PDB file of N, CA and C in Angstrom:
ATOM      1  N   MET A   1     -27.769 -22.582 -40.420  1.00  0.00           N
ATOM      2  CA  MET A   1     -27.075 -21.434 -39.353  1.00  0.00           C
ATOM      3  C   MET A   1     -26.252 -21.997 -37.970  1.00  0.00           C
ATOM      4  N   THR A   2     -25.104 -21.648 -37.933  1.00  0.00           N
ATOM      5  CA  THR A   2     -24.098 -22.107 -36.893  1.00  0.00           C
ATOM      6  C   THR A   2     -24.422 -21.443 -35.786  1.00  0.00           C
ATOM      7  N   GLU A   3     -24.195 -22.167 -34.591  1.00  0.00           N
ATOM      8  CA  GLU A   3     -24.852 -21.506 -33.172  1.00  0.00           C
ATOM      9  C   GLU A   3     -23.409 -20.791 -32.860  1.00  0.00           C
ATOM     10  N   LEU A   4     -23.728 -19.394 -31.987  1.00  0.00           N
ATOM     11  CA  LEU A   4     -22.540 -18.735 -31.313  1.00  0.00           C
ATOM     12  C   LEU A   4     -21.818 -19.074 -30.141  1.00  0.00           C
ATOM     13  N   ARG A   5     -20.703 -19.543 -30.378  1.00  0.00           N
ATOM     14  CA  ARG A   5     -20.605 -19.894 -29.320  1.00  0.00           C
ATOM     15  C   ARG A   5     -19.798 -18.683 -27.665  1.00  0.00           C
ATOM     16  N   GLN A   6     -20.112 -19.191 -26.857  1.00  0.00           N
ATOM     17  CA  GLN A   6     -20.401 -18.235 -25.678  1.00  0.00           C
ATOM     18  C   GLN A   6     -18.866 -18.387 -24.958  1.00  0.00           C
ATOM     19  N   THR A   7     -18.400 -17.645 -24.717  1.00  0.00           N
ATOM     20  CA  THR A   7     -17.010 -17.903 -23.613  1.00  0.00           C
ATOM     21  C   THR A   7     -16.919 -16.640 -22.648  1.00  0.00           C
ATOM     22  N   GLU A   8     -16.738 -17.038 -21.343  1.00  0.00           N
ATOM     23  CA  GLU A   8     -16.796 -16.092 -20.270  1.00  0.00           C
ATOM     24  C   GLU A   8     -15.265 -15.125 -20.433  1.00  0.00           C
ATOM     25  N   THR A   9     -15.599 -13.998 -19.990  1.00  0.00           N
ATOM     26  CA  THR A   9     -14.211 -13.101 -20.146  1.00  0.00           C
ATOM     27  C   THR A   9     -14.328 -12.381 -19.293  1.00  0.00           C
ATOM     28  N   ASN A  10     -13.074 -11.728 -19.036  1.00  0.00           N
ATOM     29  CA  ASN A  10     -13.164 -10.710 -17.780  1.00  0.00           C
ATOM     30  C   ASN A  10     -12.302  -9.564 -18.384  1.00  0.00           C
ATOM     31  N   ALA A  11     -12.699  -8.499 -18.460  1.00  0.00           N
ATOM     32  CA  ALA A  11     -12.030  -7.319 -18.767  1.00  0.00           C
ATOM     33  C   ALA A  11     -11.812  -5.986 -17.778  1.00  0.00           C
ATOM     34  N   ALA A  12     -12.103  -6.772 -16.630  1.00  0.00           N
ATOM     35  CA  ALA A  12     -11.990  -5.811 -15.426  1.00  0.00           C
ATOM     36  C   ALA A  12     -10.376  -5.416 -15.050  1.00  0.00           C
ATOM     37  N   ASP A  13      -9.935  -4.813 -14.121  1.00  0.00           N
ATOM     38  CA  ASP A  13      -8.491  -4.848 -13.753  1.00  0.00           C
ATOM     39  C   ASP A  13      -8.216  -5.763 -12.982  1.00  0.00           C
ATOM     40  N   ASP A  14      -7.168  -6.259 -12.727  1.00  0.00           N
ATOM     41  CA  ASP A  14      -6.566  -7.219 -11.702  1.00  0.00           C
ATOM     42  C   ASP A  14      -6.131  -6.192 -10.324  1.00  0.00           C
ATOM     43  N   SER A  15      -7.012  -5.159 -10.279  1.00  0.00           N
ATOM     44  CA  SER A  15      -6.645  -4.415  -9.052  1.00  0.00           C
ATOM     45  C   SER A  15      -7.573  -4.468  -7.429  1.00  0.00           C
ATOM     46  N   SER A  16      -7.089  -4.788  -6.298  1.00  0.00           N
ATOM     47  CA  SER A  16      -7.862  -5.237  -5.254  1.00  0.00           C
ATOM     48  C   SER A  16      -7.990  -4.249  -4.752  1.00  0.00           C
ATOM     49  N   GLY A  17      -8.011  -2.925  -5.283  1.00  0.00           N
ATOM     50  CA  GLY A  17      -8.930  -1.760  -4.696  1.00  0.00           C
ATOM     51  C   GLY A  17      -7.705  -0.826  -3.893  1.00  0.00           C
ATOM     52  N   ARG A  18      -8.221   0.105  -3.378  1.00  0.00           N
ATOM     53  CA  ARG A  18      -7.427   1.219  -2.597  1.00  0.00           C
ATOM     54  C   ARG A  18      -8.083   1.267  -1.173  1.00  0.00           C
ATOM     55  N   ALA A  19      -7.058   1.478  -0.299  1.00  0.00           N
ATOM     56  CA  ALA A  19      -7.488   2.094   1.088  1.00  0.00           C
ATOM     57  C   ALA A  19      -6.451   2.928   1.923  1.00  0.00           C
ATOM     58  N   PHE A  20      -6.944   3.811   2.169  1.00  0.00           N
ATOM     59  CA  PHE A  20      -6.055   4.851   2.708  1.00  0.00           C
ATOM     60  C   PHE A  20      -4.958   5.125   1.650  1.00  0.00           C
ATOM     61  N   GLY A  21      -4.823   5.123   0.486  1.00  0.00           N
ATOM     62  CA  GLY A  21      -4.010   5.369  -0.236  1.00  0.00           C
ATOM     63  C   GLY A  21      -2.886   4.357  -0.404  1.00  0.00           C
ATOM     64  N   LEU A  22      -3.432   3.400   0.031  1.00  0.00           N
ATOM     65  CA  LEU A  22      -2.362   1.935  -0.321  1.00  0.00           C
ATOM     66  C   LEU A  22      -3.156   0.965  -1.174  1.00  0.00           C
ATOM     67  N   ASP A  23      -2.214   0.358  -1.907  1.00  0.00           N
ATOM     68  CA  ASP A  23      -3.045  -0.668  -2.718  1.00  0.00           C
ATOM     69  C   ASP A  23      -3.327  -1.913  -1.702  1.00  0.00           C
ATOM     70  N   GLY A  24      -4.557  -2.242  -2.121  1.00  0.00           N
ATOM     71  CA  GLY A  24      -5.028  -3.598  -1.574  1.00  0.00           C
ATOM     72  C   GLY A  24      -5.288  -3.721  -0.394  1.00  0.00           C
ATOM     73  N   ASN A  25      -4.580  -4.267   0.416  1.00  0.00           N
ATOM     74  CA  ASN A  25      -4.456  -4.834   2.007  1.00  0.00           C
ATOM     75  C   ASN A  25      -3.649  -4.251   2.921  1.00  0.00           C
ATOM     76  N   LEU A  26      -2.786  -3.103   1.972  1.00  0.00           N
ATOM     77  CA  LEU A  26      -1.379  -2.872   2.658  1.00  0.00           C
ATOM     78  C   LEU A  26      -1.530  -1.999   4.139  1.00  0.00           C
ATOM     79  N   TYR A  27      -3.231  -1.502   4.006  1.00  0.00           N
ATOM     80  CA  TYR A  27      -3.331  -0.718   5.288  1.00  0.00           C
ATOM     81  C   TYR A  27      -3.278  -1.473   6.245  1.00  0.00           C
ATOM     82  N   LEU A  28      -3.563  -3.032   6.214  1.00  0.00           N
ATOM     83  CA  LEU A  28      -3.606  -3.687   7.619  1.00  0.00           C
ATOM     84  C   LEU A  28      -2.243  -3.581   8.253  1.00  0.00           C
ATOM     85  N   PRO A  29      -0.782  -4.209   7.619  1.00  0.00           N
ATOM     86  CA  PRO A  29       0.042  -4.084   8.596  1.00  0.00           C
ATOM     87  C   PRO A  29       0.499  -2.796   8.922  1.00  0.00           C
ATOM     88  N   VAL A  30       0.187  -1.702   8.632  1.00  0.00           N
ATOM     89  CA  VAL A  30       0.270  -0.824   8.958  1.00  0.00           C
ATOM     90  C   VAL A  30      -0.516  -0.088  10.275  1.00  0.00           C
ATOM     91  N   LEU A  31      -1.926  -0.651   9.962  1.00  0.00           N
ATOM     92  CA  LEU A  31      -2.594  -0.401  11.449  1.00  0.00           C
ATOM     93  C   LEU A  31      -2.239  -1.743  12.437  1.00  0.00           C
ATOM     94  N   VAL A  32      -1.782  -2.471  12.169  1.00  0.00           N
ATOM     95  CA  VAL A  32      -1.244  -3.511  13.139  1.00  0.00           C
ATOM     96  C   VAL A  32      -0.279  -2.991  14.186  1.00  0.00           C
ATOM     97  N   ALA A  33       0.790  -2.498  12.927  1.00  0.00           N
ATOM     98  CA  ALA A  33       2.119  -1.831  13.666  1.00  0.00           C
ATOM     99  C   ALA A  33       1.477  -0.498  14.753  1.00  0.00           C
ATOM    100  N   SER A  34       0.244   0.114  14.475  1.00  0.00           N
ATOM    101  CA  SER A  34       0.132   1.040  15.029  1.00  0.00           C
ATOM    102  C   SER A  34      -0.389   0.829  16.344  1.00  0.00           C
ATOM    103  N   VAL A  35      -1.040  -0.202  16.303  1.00  0.00           N
ATOM    104  CA  VAL A  35      -1.971  -0.751  17.407  1.00  0.00           C
ATOM    105  C   VAL A  35      -0.682  -1.850  18.447  1.00  0.00           C
ATOM    106  N   VAL A  36       0.309  -2.269  18.304  1.00  0.00           N
ATOM    107  CA  VAL A  36       1.174  -2.620  18.868  1.00  0.00           C
ATOM    108  C   VAL A  36       2.357  -1.262  19.250  1.00  0.00           C
ATOM    109  N   GLY A  37       2.302  -0.335  18.572  1.00  0.00           N
ATOM    110  CA  GLY A  37       3.131   0.448  19.073  1.00  0.00           C
ATOM    111  C   GLY A  37       2.372   1.123  19.998  1.00  0.00           C
ATOM    112  N   LEU A  38       1.174   1.244  19.870  1.00  0.00           N
ATOM    113  CA  LEU A  38       0.322   1.773  21.181  1.00  0.00           C
ATOM    114  C   LEU A  38       0.372   1.323  22.398  1.00  0.00           C
ATOM    115  N   GLY A  39       0.388  -0.312  22.061  1.00  0.00           N
ATOM    116  CA  GLY A  39       0.489  -1.078  23.421  1.00  0.00           C
ATOM    117  C   GLY A  39       1.741  -0.790  24.077  1.00  0.00           C
ATOM    118  N   ILE A  40       2.941  -0.798  23.296  1.00  0.00           N
ATOM    119  CA  ILE A  40       4.372  -0.620  23.558  1.00  0.00           C
ATOM    120  C   ILE A  40       4.398   0.937  24.457  1.00  0.00           C
ATOM    121  N   PHE A  41       4.087   1.782  23.752  1.00  0.00           N
ATOM    122  CA  PHE A  41       3.820   3.190  24.916  1.00  0.00           C
ATOM    123  C   PHE A  41       3.170   2.724  25.733  1.00  0.00           C
ATOM    124  N   ALA A  42       1.951   1.972  25.766  1.00  0.00           N
ATOM    125  CA  ALA A  42       1.077   2.056  27.055  1.00  0.00           C
ATOM    126  C   ALA A  42       2.056   1.436  28.347  1.00  0.00           C
ATOM    127  N   ILE A  43       2.391   0.262  27.894  1.00  0.00           N
ATOM    128  CA  ILE A  43       3.399  -0.513  28.778  1.00  0.00           C
ATOM    129  C   ILE A  43       4.741   0.140  29.082  1.00  0.00           C
ATOM    130  N   LEU A  44       5.458   0.947  28.667  1.00  0.00           N
ATOM    131  CA  LEU A  44       6.307   1.209  28.956  1.00  0.00           C
ATOM    132  C   LEU A  44       6.115   2.651  29.523  1.00  0.00           C
ATOM    133  N   GLY A  45       5.248   3.102  29.336  1.00  0.00           N
ATOM    134  CA  GLY A  45       4.923   4.927  29.802  1.00  0.00           C
ATOM    135  C   GLY A  45       4.041   4.563  31.210  1.00  0.00           C
ATOM    136  N   TYR A  46       3.115   3.727  31.225  1.00  0.00           N
ATOM    137  CA  TYR A  46       2.494   3.725  32.010  1.00  0.00           C
ATOM    138  C   TYR A  46       2.736   2.572  33.040  1.00  0.00           C
ATOM    139  N   GLY A  47       3.118   1.377  32.734  1.00  0.00           N
ATOM    140  CA  GLY A  47       3.160   0.125  33.508  1.00  0.00           C
ATOM    141  C   GLY A  47       4.768   0.327  34.005  1.00  0.00           C
ATOM    142  N   LEU A  48       5.607   0.582  33.211  1.00  0.00           N
ATOM    143  CA  LEU A  48       6.940   0.566  33.820  1.00  0.00           C
ATOM    144  C   LEU A  48       7.748   1.934  34.104  1.00  0.00           C
ATOM    145  N   ARG A  49       6.349   2.962  33.993  1.00  0.00           N
ATOM    146  CA  ARG A  49       7.312   4.149  34.147  1.00  0.00           C
ATOM    147  C   ARG A  49       8.580   4.571  33.664  1.00  0.00           C
ATOM    148  N   VAL A  50       8.791   4.415  32.161  1.00  0.00           N
ATOM    149  CA  VAL A  50      10.004   4.907  31.666  1.00  0.00           C
ATOM    150  C   VAL A  50       9.681   6.222  31.291  1.00  0.00           C
ATOM    151  N   GLY A  51      10.013   7.018  31.114  1.00  0.00           N
ATOM    152  CA  GLY A  51      10.400   8.212  30.509  1.00  0.00           C
ATOM    153  C   GLY A  51       9.347   8.358  28.958  1.00  0.00           C
ATOM    154  N   TRP A  52       8.373   9.528  28.928  1.00  0.00           N
ATOM    155  CA  TRP A  52       7.897   9.463  27.614  1.00  0.00           C
ATOM    156  C   TRP A  52       8.498   9.368  26.664  1.00  0.00           C
ATOM    157  N   THR A  53       9.737  10.221  26.772  1.00  0.00           N
ATOM    158  CA  THR A  53      10.363   9.977  25.036  1.00  0.00           C
ATOM    159  C   THR A  53      10.838   8.841  24.867  1.00  0.00           C
ATOM    160  N   VAL A  54      11.293   8.399  25.629  1.00  0.00           N
ATOM    161  CA  VAL A  54      12.086   6.778  25.410  1.00  0.00           C
ATOM    162  C   VAL A  54      11.018   5.928  25.069  1.00  0.00           C
ATOM    163  N   ALA A  55       9.755   6.283  25.811  1.00  0.00           N
ATOM    164  CA  ALA A  55       8.042   5.070  25.293  1.00  0.00           C
ATOM    165  C   ALA A  55       7.691   5.290  24.109  1.00  0.00           C
ATOM    166  N   GLY A  56       7.569   6.790  23.792  1.00  0.00           N
ATOM    167  CA  GLY A  56       7.167   7.489  22.026  1.00  0.00           C
ATOM    168  C   GLY A  56       8.683   6.725  21.031  1.00  0.00           C
ATOM    169  N   LEU A  57       9.931   7.092  21.140  1.00  0.00           N
ATOM    170  CA  LEU A  57      10.939   6.089  20.521  1.00  0.00           C
ATOM    171  C   LEU A  57      10.560   4.918  20.332  1.00  0.00           C
ATOM    172  N   ALA A  58      10.518   4.219  21.381  1.00  0.00           N
ATOM    173  CA  ALA A  58      10.090   2.619  21.254  1.00  0.00           C
ATOM    174  C   ALA A  58       9.197   2.068  20.450  1.00  0.00           C
ATOM    175  N   ALA A  59       7.982   3.302  21.189  1.00  0.00           N
ATOM    176  CA  ALA A  59       6.762   2.622  19.992  1.00  0.00           C
ATOM    177  C   ALA A  59       6.710   2.749  18.631  1.00  0.00           C
ATOM    178  N   GLY A  60       7.694   4.161  18.284  1.00  0.00           N
ATOM    179  CA  GLY A  60       7.562   4.343  16.899  1.00  0.00           C
ATOM    180  C   GLY A  60       8.100   3.382  15.882  1.00  0.00           C
ATOM    181  N   VAL A  61       9.345   2.683  16.846  1.00  0.00           N
ATOM    182  CA  VAL A  61      10.237   1.467  16.089  1.00  0.00           C
ATOM    183  C   VAL A  61       9.348   0.403  15.183  1.00  0.00           C
ATOM    184  N   PRO A  62       8.323  -0.304  15.605  1.00  0.00           N
ATOM    185  CA  PRO A  62       7.547  -0.864  14.925  1.00  0.00           C
ATOM    186  C   PRO A  62       6.584  -0.262  13.900  1.00  0.00           C
ATOM    187  N   TRP A  63       6.107   0.837  13.672  1.00  0.00           N
ATOM    188  CA  TRP A  63       5.263   1.503  12.808  1.00  0.00           C
ATOM    189  C   TRP A  63       6.171   2.350  11.826  1.00  0.00           C
ATOM    190  N   ALA A  64       7.487   2.949  12.439  1.00  0.00           N
ATOM    191  CA  ALA A  64       8.383   3.057  11.186  1.00  0.00           C
ATOM    192  C   ALA A  64       9.362   1.903  10.386  1.00  0.00           C
ATOM    193  N   ALA A  65       8.999   0.760  11.244  1.00  0.00           N
ATOM    194  CA  ALA A  65       9.653  -0.312   9.954  1.00  0.00           C
ATOM    195  C   ALA A  65       8.731  -0.928   9.248  1.00  0.00           C
ATOM    196  N   VAL A  66       7.596  -1.079   9.539  1.00  0.00           N
ATOM    197  CA  VAL A  66       6.414  -1.791   8.442  1.00  0.00           C
ATOM    198  C   VAL A  66       6.210  -0.450   7.530  1.00  0.00           C
ATOM    199  N   LEU A  67       6.027   0.692   8.155  1.00  0.00           N
ATOM    200  CA  LEU A  67       6.064   1.803   6.789  1.00  0.00           C
ATOM    201  C   LEU A  67       6.993   1.996   6.207  1.00  0.00           C
ATOM    202  N   ALA A  68       8.263   1.639   6.299  1.00  0.00           N
ATOM    203  CA  ALA A  68       9.460   1.513   5.754  1.00  0.00           C
ATOM    204  C   ALA A  68       8.828   0.102   4.661  1.00  0.00           C
ATOM    205  N   TRP A  69       8.671  -0.215   5.320  1.00  0.00           N
ATOM    206  CA  TRP A  69       8.320  -2.154   4.061  1.00  0.00           C
ATOM    207  C   TRP A  69       7.418  -1.361   3.248  1.00  0.00           C
ATOM    208  N   VAL A  70       6.183  -0.994   3.941  1.00  0.00           N
ATOM    209  CA  VAL A  70       5.247  -0.863   2.522  1.00  0.00           C
ATOM    210  C   VAL A  70       5.510  -0.063   1.718  1.00  0.00           C
ATOM    211  N   LEU A  71       5.537   1.180   2.227  1.00  0.00           N
ATOM    212  CA  LEU A  71       5.960   2.398   0.953  1.00  0.00           C
ATOM    213  C   LEU A  71       7.110   1.848   0.287  1.00  0.00           C
ATOM    214  N   GLY A  72       8.268   1.515   0.692  1.00  0.00           N
ATOM    215  CA  GLY A  72       9.397   1.628  -0.124  1.00  0.00           C
ATOM    216  C   GLY A  72       9.461  -0.052  -0.790  1.00  0.00           C
ATOM    217  N   LEU A  73       8.852  -1.203  -0.194  1.00  0.00           N
ATOM    218  CA  LEU A  73       8.897  -2.422  -1.390  1.00  0.00           C
ATOM    219  C   LEU A  73       7.937  -3.188  -1.685  1.00  0.00           C
ATOM    220  N   LYS A  74       6.326  -2.596  -1.117  1.00  0.00           N
ATOM    221  CA  LYS A  74       5.317  -3.147  -1.804  1.00  0.00           C
ATOM    222  C   LYS A  74       4.056  -1.908  -2.468  1.00  0.00           C
ATOM    223  N   GLN A  75       4.055  -0.943  -2.299  1.00  0.00           N
ATOM    224  CA  GLN A  75       3.234  -0.335  -2.854  1.00  0.00           C
ATOM    225  C   GLN A  75       4.034   0.656  -3.951  1.00  0.00           C
ATOM    226  N   GLY A  76       3.142   0.353  -5.202  1.00  0.00           N
ATOM    227  CA  GLY A  76       3.184   0.241  -6.553  1.00  0.00           C
ATOM    228  C   GLY A  76       4.336  -0.831  -7.049  1.00  0.00           C
ATOM    229  N   ARG A  77       4.949  -1.674  -6.618  1.00  0.00           N
ATOM    230  CA  ARG A  77       5.803  -2.132  -6.834  1.00  0.00           C
ATOM    231  C   ARG A  77       5.204  -3.827  -7.432  1.00  0.00           C
ATOM    232  N   PRO A  78       5.574  -4.929  -8.328  1.00  0.00           N
ATOM    233  CA  PRO A  78       5.308  -6.034  -8.714  1.00  0.00           C
ATOM    234  C   PRO A  78       4.980  -6.614  -7.409  1.00  0.00           C
ATOM    235  N   ALA A  79       4.314  -7.957  -7.470  1.00  0.00           N
ATOM    236  CA  ALA A  79       4.431  -9.215  -6.475  1.00  0.00           C
ATOM    237  C   ALA A  79       5.346  -9.434  -6.586  1.00  0.00           C
ATOM    238  N   GLY A  80       5.872  -9.887  -5.270  1.00  0.00           N
ATOM    239  CA  GLY A  80       7.200 -10.476  -5.075  1.00  0.00           C
ATOM    240  C   GLY A  80       8.444  -9.573  -4.808  1.00  0.00           C
ATOM    241  N   TYR A  81       8.117  -8.554  -5.428  1.00  0.00           N
ATOM    242  CA  TYR A  81       9.413  -7.253  -5.641  1.00  0.00           C
ATOM    243  C   TYR A  81      10.291  -7.517  -4.014  1.00  0.00           C
ATOM    244  N   ASP A  82       9.480  -7.238  -2.951  1.00  0.00           N
ATOM    245  CA  ASP A  82      10.226  -7.429  -1.714  1.00  0.00           C
ATOM    246  C   ASP A  82      10.804  -8.371  -1.131  1.00  0.00           C
ATOM    247  N   ARG A  83      10.243  -9.576  -1.827  1.00  0.00           N
ATOM    248  CA  ARG A  83      11.531 -10.656  -1.435  1.00  0.00           C
ATOM    249  C   ARG A  83      12.218 -11.038  -2.409  1.00  0.00           C
ATOM    250  N   ASP A  84      12.222 -10.343  -3.542  1.00  0.00           N
ATOM    251  CA  ASP A  84      13.529 -10.128  -4.527  1.00  0.00           C
ATOM    252  C   ASP A  84      14.454  -9.585  -3.977  1.00  0.00           C
ATOM    253  N   VAL A  85      14.487  -8.307  -3.454  1.00  0.00           N
ATOM    254  CA  VAL A  85      15.181  -7.138  -2.679  1.00  0.00           C
ATOM    255  C   VAL A  85      15.910  -7.877  -1.595  1.00  0.00           C
ATOM    256  N   VAL A  86      15.063  -8.624  -0.678  1.00  0.00           N
ATOM    257  CA  VAL A  86      15.935  -8.837   0.472  1.00  0.00           C
ATOM    258  C   VAL A  86      16.243 -10.124   0.068  1.00  0.00           C
ATOM    259  N   ASP A  87      16.280 -10.797  -0.881  1.00  0.00           N
ATOM    260  CA  ASP A  87      17.232 -12.158  -1.437  1.00  0.00           C
ATOM    261  C   ASP A  87      18.195 -11.546  -1.652  1.00  0.00           C
ATOM    262  N   GLN A  88      18.413 -10.487  -2.654  1.00  0.00           N
ATOM    263  CA  GLN A  88      19.122  -9.797  -3.490  1.00  0.00           C
ATOM    264  C   GLN A  88      20.414  -9.606  -2.033  1.00  0.00           C
ATOM    265  N   LEU A  89      19.493  -8.751  -1.422  1.00  0.00           N
ATOM    266  CA  LEU A  89      20.567  -7.919  -0.439  1.00  0.00           C
ATOM    267  C   LEU A  89      21.309  -9.178   0.783  1.00  0.00           C
ATOM    268  N   LEU A  90      20.496 -10.188   1.100  1.00  0.00           N
ATOM    269  CA  LEU A  90      21.267 -11.341   1.936  1.00  0.00           C
ATOM    270  C   LEU A  90      22.370 -11.785   0.915  1.00  0.00           C
ATOM    271  N   GLY A  91      22.148 -12.698  -0.054  1.00  0.00           N
ATOM    272  CA  GLY A  91      22.750 -13.212  -0.530  1.00  0.00           C
ATOM    273  C   GLY A  91      23.116 -13.191  -2.025  1.00  0.00           C
ATOM    274  N   GLY A  92      22.476 -12.417  -2.585  1.00  0.00           N
ATOM    275  CA  GLY A  92      22.838 -12.650  -3.998  1.00  0.00           C
ATOM    276  C   GLY A  92      21.784 -13.513  -4.686  1.00  0.00           C
ATOM    277  N   GLY A  93      21.134 -13.927  -4.099  1.00  0.00           N
ATOM    278  CA  GLY A  93      20.060 -15.088  -4.638  1.00  0.00           C
ATOM    279  C   GLY A  93      19.954 -15.116  -6.175  1.00  0.00           C
ATOM    280  N   ASN A  94      20.031 -16.167  -7.145  1.00  0.00           N
ATOM    281  CA  ASN A  94      19.551 -16.000  -8.453  1.00  0.00           C
ATOM    282  C   ASN A  94      19.297 -17.441  -8.588  1.00  0.00           C
ATOM    283  N   PHE A  95      18.924 -18.026 -10.092  1.00  0.00           N
ATOM    284  CA  PHE A  95      18.162 -18.932 -10.535  1.00  0.00           C
ATOM    285  C   PHE A  95      19.538 -19.645 -10.740  1.00  0.00           C
ATOM    286  N   THR A  96      20.590 -19.848 -10.851  1.00  0.00           N
ATOM    287  CA  THR A  96      21.676 -20.458 -11.052  1.00  0.00           C
ATOM    288  C   THR A  96      22.660 -21.491  -9.995  1.00  0.00           C
ATOM    289  N   ARG A  97      22.537 -23.167 -10.110  1.00  0.00           N
ATOM    290  CA  ARG A  97      22.925 -23.436  -9.141  1.00  0.00           C
ATOM    291  C   ARG A  97      24.545 -23.046  -8.919  1.00  0.00           C
ATOM    292  N   PRO A  98      25.054 -22.885  -7.808  1.00  0.00           N
ATOM    293  CA  PRO A  98      26.897 -23.332  -7.806  1.00  0.00           C
ATOM    294  C   PRO A  98      27.210 -24.112  -8.401  1.00  0.00           C
ATOM    295  N   ASN A  99      28.447 -23.640  -9.438  1.00  0.00           N
ATOM    296  CA  ASN A  99      29.330 -24.580 -10.017  1.00  0.00           C
ATOM    297  C   ASN A  99      30.498 -25.260  -9.149  1.00  0.00           C
ATOM    298  N   ARG A 100      30.158 -26.442  -8.622  1.00  0.00           N
ATOM    299  CA  ARG A 100      31.157 -27.260  -7.678  1.00  0.00           C
ATOM    300  C   ARG A 100      32.312 -27.543  -8.502  1.00  0.00           C
ATOM    301  N   GLU A 101      32.343 -27.537  -9.778  1.00  0.00           N
ATOM    302  CA  GLU A 101      33.362 -28.201 -10.787  1.00  0.00           C
ATOM    303  C   GLU A 101      34.237 -27.065 -10.912  1.00  0.00           C
ATOM    304  N   ALA A 102      34.122 -25.786 -10.863  1.00  0.00           N
ATOM    305  CA  ALA A 102      34.553 -25.206 -11.316  1.00  0.00           C
ATOM    306  C   ALA A 102      36.155 -25.410 -11.363  1.00  0.00           C
ATOM    307  N   GLY A 103      36.587 -25.823  -9.836  1.00  0.00           N
ATOM    308  CA  GLY A 103      37.771 -25.617  -9.572  1.00  0.00           C
ATOM    309  C   GLY A 103      38.408 -26.952  -9.990  1.00  0.00           C
ATOM    310  N   ARG A 104      37.809 -27.572 -10.245  1.00  0.00           N
ATOM    311  CA  ARG A 104      38.437 -28.776 -10.522  1.00  0.00           C
ATOM    312  C   ARG A 104      38.831 -28.730 -12.617  1.00  0.00           C
ATOM    313  N   GLN A 105      39.969 -29.731 -12.570  1.00  0.00           N
ATOM    314  CA  GLN A 105      40.050 -29.596 -13.969  1.00  0.00           C
ATOM    315  C   GLN A 105      40.149 -31.264 -14.476  1.00  0.00           C
ATOM    316  N   ASN A 106      39.262 -31.179 -15.771  1.00  0.00           N
ATOM    317  CA  ASN A 106      39.210 -32.691 -16.396  1.00  0.00           C
ATOM    318  C   ASN A 106      40.409 -33.221 -16.747  1.00  0.00           C
ATOM    319  N   SER A 107      40.711 -34.090 -16.566  1.00  0.00           N
ATOM    320  CA  SER A 107      42.027 -35.475 -17.240  1.00  0.00           C
ATOM    321  C   SER A 107      41.759 -36.306 -17.816  1.00  0.00           C
TER     322      SER A 107
END
């Protein structure tokens, strides 16, 4: 009788879980941006005596930017999608090298 060969398998999902409706640890940048925004609001509103409206708008900028990044480029997207989109917007990057010989003719 032959012996059974045992191999380890993993039939589980490759999910890192969900927190506050966001995949994996995507809640952390939103949480950090909220704390930074609260600090900006406190410094501008109480420390520098800037108007509450201006302090509130300035405090909302980091939170809105991070939330747009998380919901627009990270949530439900494949890994590296945000980097690909930014690379495409900045330079139209691709995997080919520029052809420097294109302008020259072989003689």
